[in-house]
């Protein structure tokens, strides 16, 4: 029996939320080879420097590191190979239109399992300037301080 959707991501790109304003998100399937799914289920995947490119009307994810499976043999995969994302043509055409706008790019946000299949949540993001990043950090710290003070007041 297939597993239900886990809300817990197997890999998350925290750097993406720091470097980009995420405008829109899309869930995409991913084409895997051999033992890659076993490595993903073990949580041996990194999205830190990954990015998405559109080539020949297909979406490809690059620089996503999936470690080779420990019990694998000579059929193990290349950890940094480009992998195809499974999207509808309308979704790909909308991604192409969004990335034509200046400052917008497609970044992977997180990877998770849904009904036994590996899914990647990709986002259309606009790059942040340095002052935007500092402002975001200040707001985050202020919110954390307010929550901490509220929690102490309840005790």
Protein backbone atom coordinates (compact mmCIF):
# COMPACT_ATOMS: atom_id res chain seq x y z
CA UNK A 1 0.00 0.00 0.00
CA UNK A 2 1.37 3.42 -0.93
CA UNK A 3 2.30 5.86 1.79
CA UNK A 4 0.34 9.04 2.36
CA UNK A 5 1.92 12.46 1.78
CA UNK A 6 4.53 13.24 4.40
CA UNK A 7 4.55 16.89 5.40
CA UNK A 8 8.13 16.42 6.58
CA UNK A 9 10.46 17.29 3.71
CA UNK A 10 13.38 14.99 2.96
CA UNK A 11 15.46 17.97 1.83
CA UNK A 12 14.87 21.69 2.10
CA UNK A 13 16.56 24.67 0.45
CA UNK A 14 16.65 27.24 3.25
CA UNK A 15 19.03 29.39 1.22
CA UNK A 16 16.30 29.94 -1.39
CA UNK A 17 14.02 31.77 1.06
CA UNK A 18 16.98 33.87 2.15
CA UNK A 19 18.06 34.83 -1.38
CA UNK A 20 14.69 35.12 -3.17
CA UNK A 21 11.16 36.46 -2.75
CA UNK A 22 9.12 33.37 -3.69
CA UNK A 23 6.17 34.46 -5.85
CA UNK A 24 4.61 31.12 -6.85
CA UNK A 25 5.21 27.42 -6.17
CA UNK A 26 4.65 24.36 -8.35
CA UNK A 27 4.89 20.68 -7.45
CA UNK A 28 6.85 18.60 -9.95
CA UNK A 29 7.71 14.94 -10.28
CA UNK A 30 11.30 13.93 -10.98
CA UNK A 31 12.82 11.28 -13.25
CA UNK A 32 15.22 9.10 -11.25
CA UNK A 33 17.59 6.27 -12.13
CA UNK A 34 18.35 3.03 -10.34
CA UNK A 35 19.11 3.44 -6.64
CA UNK A 36 18.43 7.20 -6.45
CA UNK A 37 15.03 6.73 -4.80
CA UNK A 38 16.62 4.61 -2.06
CA UNK A 39 19.12 7.38 -1.32
CA UNK A 40 16.31 9.96 -1.29
CA UNK A 41 14.26 7.85 1.15
CA UNK A 42 17.34 7.75 3.41
CA UNK A 43 17.49 11.56 3.26
CA UNK A 44 20.80 11.69 1.35
CA UNK A 45 19.83 14.61 -0.88
CA UNK A 46 20.89 18.29 -0.92
CA UNK A 47 19.15 21.17 -2.69
CA UNK A 48 21.47 23.93 -1.47
CA UNK A 49 23.00 25.01 -4.80
CA UNK A 50 20.39 23.47 -7.10
CA UNK A 51 18.62 25.41 -9.83
CA UNK A 52 16.08 24.72 -12.59
CA UNK A 53 16.62 25.43 -16.27
CA UNK A 54 14.26 25.11 -19.23
CA UNK A 55 15.92 23.36 -22.22
CA UNK A 56 14.03 22.22 -25.34
CA UNK A 57 10.67 22.87 -23.61
CA UNK A 58 11.63 20.54 -20.76
CA UNK A 59 12.46 21.46 -17.17
CA UNK A 60 15.78 20.15 -15.84
CA UNK A 61 17.14 20.42 -12.30
CA UNK A 62 20.91 20.80 -11.99
CA UNK A 63 23.37 20.70 -9.07
CA UNK A 64 21.01 18.65 -6.92
CA UNK A 65 23.22 16.21 -5.02
CA UNK A 66 21.85 12.72 -4.39
CA UNK A 67 24.47 10.59 -2.66
CA UNK A 68 25.18 7.12 -4.10
CA UNK A 69 23.36 4.31 -2.31
CA UNK A 70 25.67 2.54 0.17
CA UNK A 71 24.47 -0.97 -0.71
CA UNK A 72 24.48 -0.18 -4.42
CA UNK A 73 26.90 -1.75 -6.85
CA UNK A 74 28.32 -0.71 -10.20
CA UNK A 75 24.88 0.56 -11.24
CA UNK A 76 25.07 3.54 -8.87
CA UNK A 77 24.40 6.95 -10.38
CA UNK A 78 26.37 10.18 -10.80
CA UNK A 79 25.47 12.33 -7.75
CA UNK A 80 25.33 15.69 -9.57
CA UNK A 81 23.74 14.73 -12.89
CA UNK A 82 20.91 16.83 -14.35
CA UNK A 83 17.48 15.30 -13.77
CA UNK A 84 14.31 15.92 -15.74
CA UNK A 85 11.28 17.39 -13.95
CA UNK A 86 7.82 16.15 -14.84
CA UNK A 87 5.52 19.09 -15.59
CA UNK A 88 2.60 19.77 -17.92
CA UNK A 89 3.25 21.82 -21.07
CA UNK A 90 1.11 24.68 -19.74
CA UNK A 91 3.17 24.77 -16.55
CA UNK A 92 6.43 24.83 -18.51
CA UNK A 93 5.18 27.62 -20.78
CA UNK A 94 4.14 29.67 -17.75
CA UNK A 95 7.60 29.08 -16.23
CA UNK A 96 9.22 30.28 -19.44
CA UNK A 97 7.06 33.43 -19.38
CA UNK A 98 7.89 34.13 -15.74
CA UNK A 99 11.65 33.72 -16.20
CA UNK A 100 11.64 36.11 -19.18
CA UNK A 101 10.88 38.88 -16.68
CA UNK A 102 14.02 40.48 -15.32
CA UNK A 103 15.28 39.22 -11.97
CA UNK A 104 13.12 36.08 -11.85
CA UNK A 105 14.45 32.54 -11.65
CA UNK A 106 13.25 29.03 -10.81
CA UNK A 107 14.61 27.46 -7.63
CA UNK A 108 13.84 24.13 -5.93
CA UNK A 109 12.45 24.68 -2.43
CA UNK A 110 12.01 21.21 -0.97
CA UNK A 111 11.82 17.52 -1.80
CA UNK A 112 9.35 15.12 -0.23
CA UNK A 113 7.56 11.82 -0.85
CA UNK A 114 3.93 11.80 -1.92
CA UNK A 115 2.18 8.45 -2.35
CA UNK A 116 5.59 6.78 -2.68
CA UNK A 117 6.82 9.12 -5.43
CA UNK A 118 9.56 11.73 -5.02
CA UNK A 119 8.27 15.25 -5.61
CA UNK A 120 10.11 18.56 -5.82
CA UNK A 121 8.46 21.84 -4.88
CA UNK A 122 9.87 24.52 -7.19
CA UNK A 123 9.31 28.21 -6.77
CA UNK A 124 9.49 31.22 -9.03
CA UNK A 125 11.62 33.70 -7.15
CA UNK A 126 12.79 37.27 -7.57
CA UNK A 127 16.30 37.90 -6.30
CA UNK A 128 16.71 39.89 -3.09
CA UNK A 129 19.16 42.73 -2.67
CA UNK A 130 21.45 42.83 0.36
CA UNK A 131 19.29 45.39 2.14
CA UNK A 132 16.21 43.17 1.59
CA UNK A 133 18.03 40.25 3.20
CA UNK A 134 18.98 42.37 6.24
CA UNK A 135 15.40 43.65 6.54
CA UNK A 136 14.06 40.08 6.43
CA UNK A 137 16.48 39.02 9.17
CA UNK A 138 15.46 41.98 11.35
CA UNK A 139 11.76 41.14 10.96
CA UNK A 140 12.43 37.48 11.75
CA UNK A 141 14.37 38.35 14.92
CA UNK A 142 11.70 40.84 16.03
CA UNK A 143 8.98 38.22 15.55
CA UNK A 144 11.02 35.68 17.52
CA UNK A 145 11.52 38.20 20.37
CA UNK A 146 7.79 39.00 20.48
CA UNK A 147 6.88 35.30 20.59
CA UNK A 148 9.46 34.69 23.33
CA UNK A 149 8.13 37.63 25.39
CA UNK A 150 4.54 36.45 24.92
CA UNK A 151 5.49 32.93 25.97
CA UNK A 152 7.23 34.23 29.12
CA UNK A 153 4.22 36.42 29.96
CA UNK A 154 1.90 33.40 29.87
CA UNK A 155 3.97 31.51 32.46
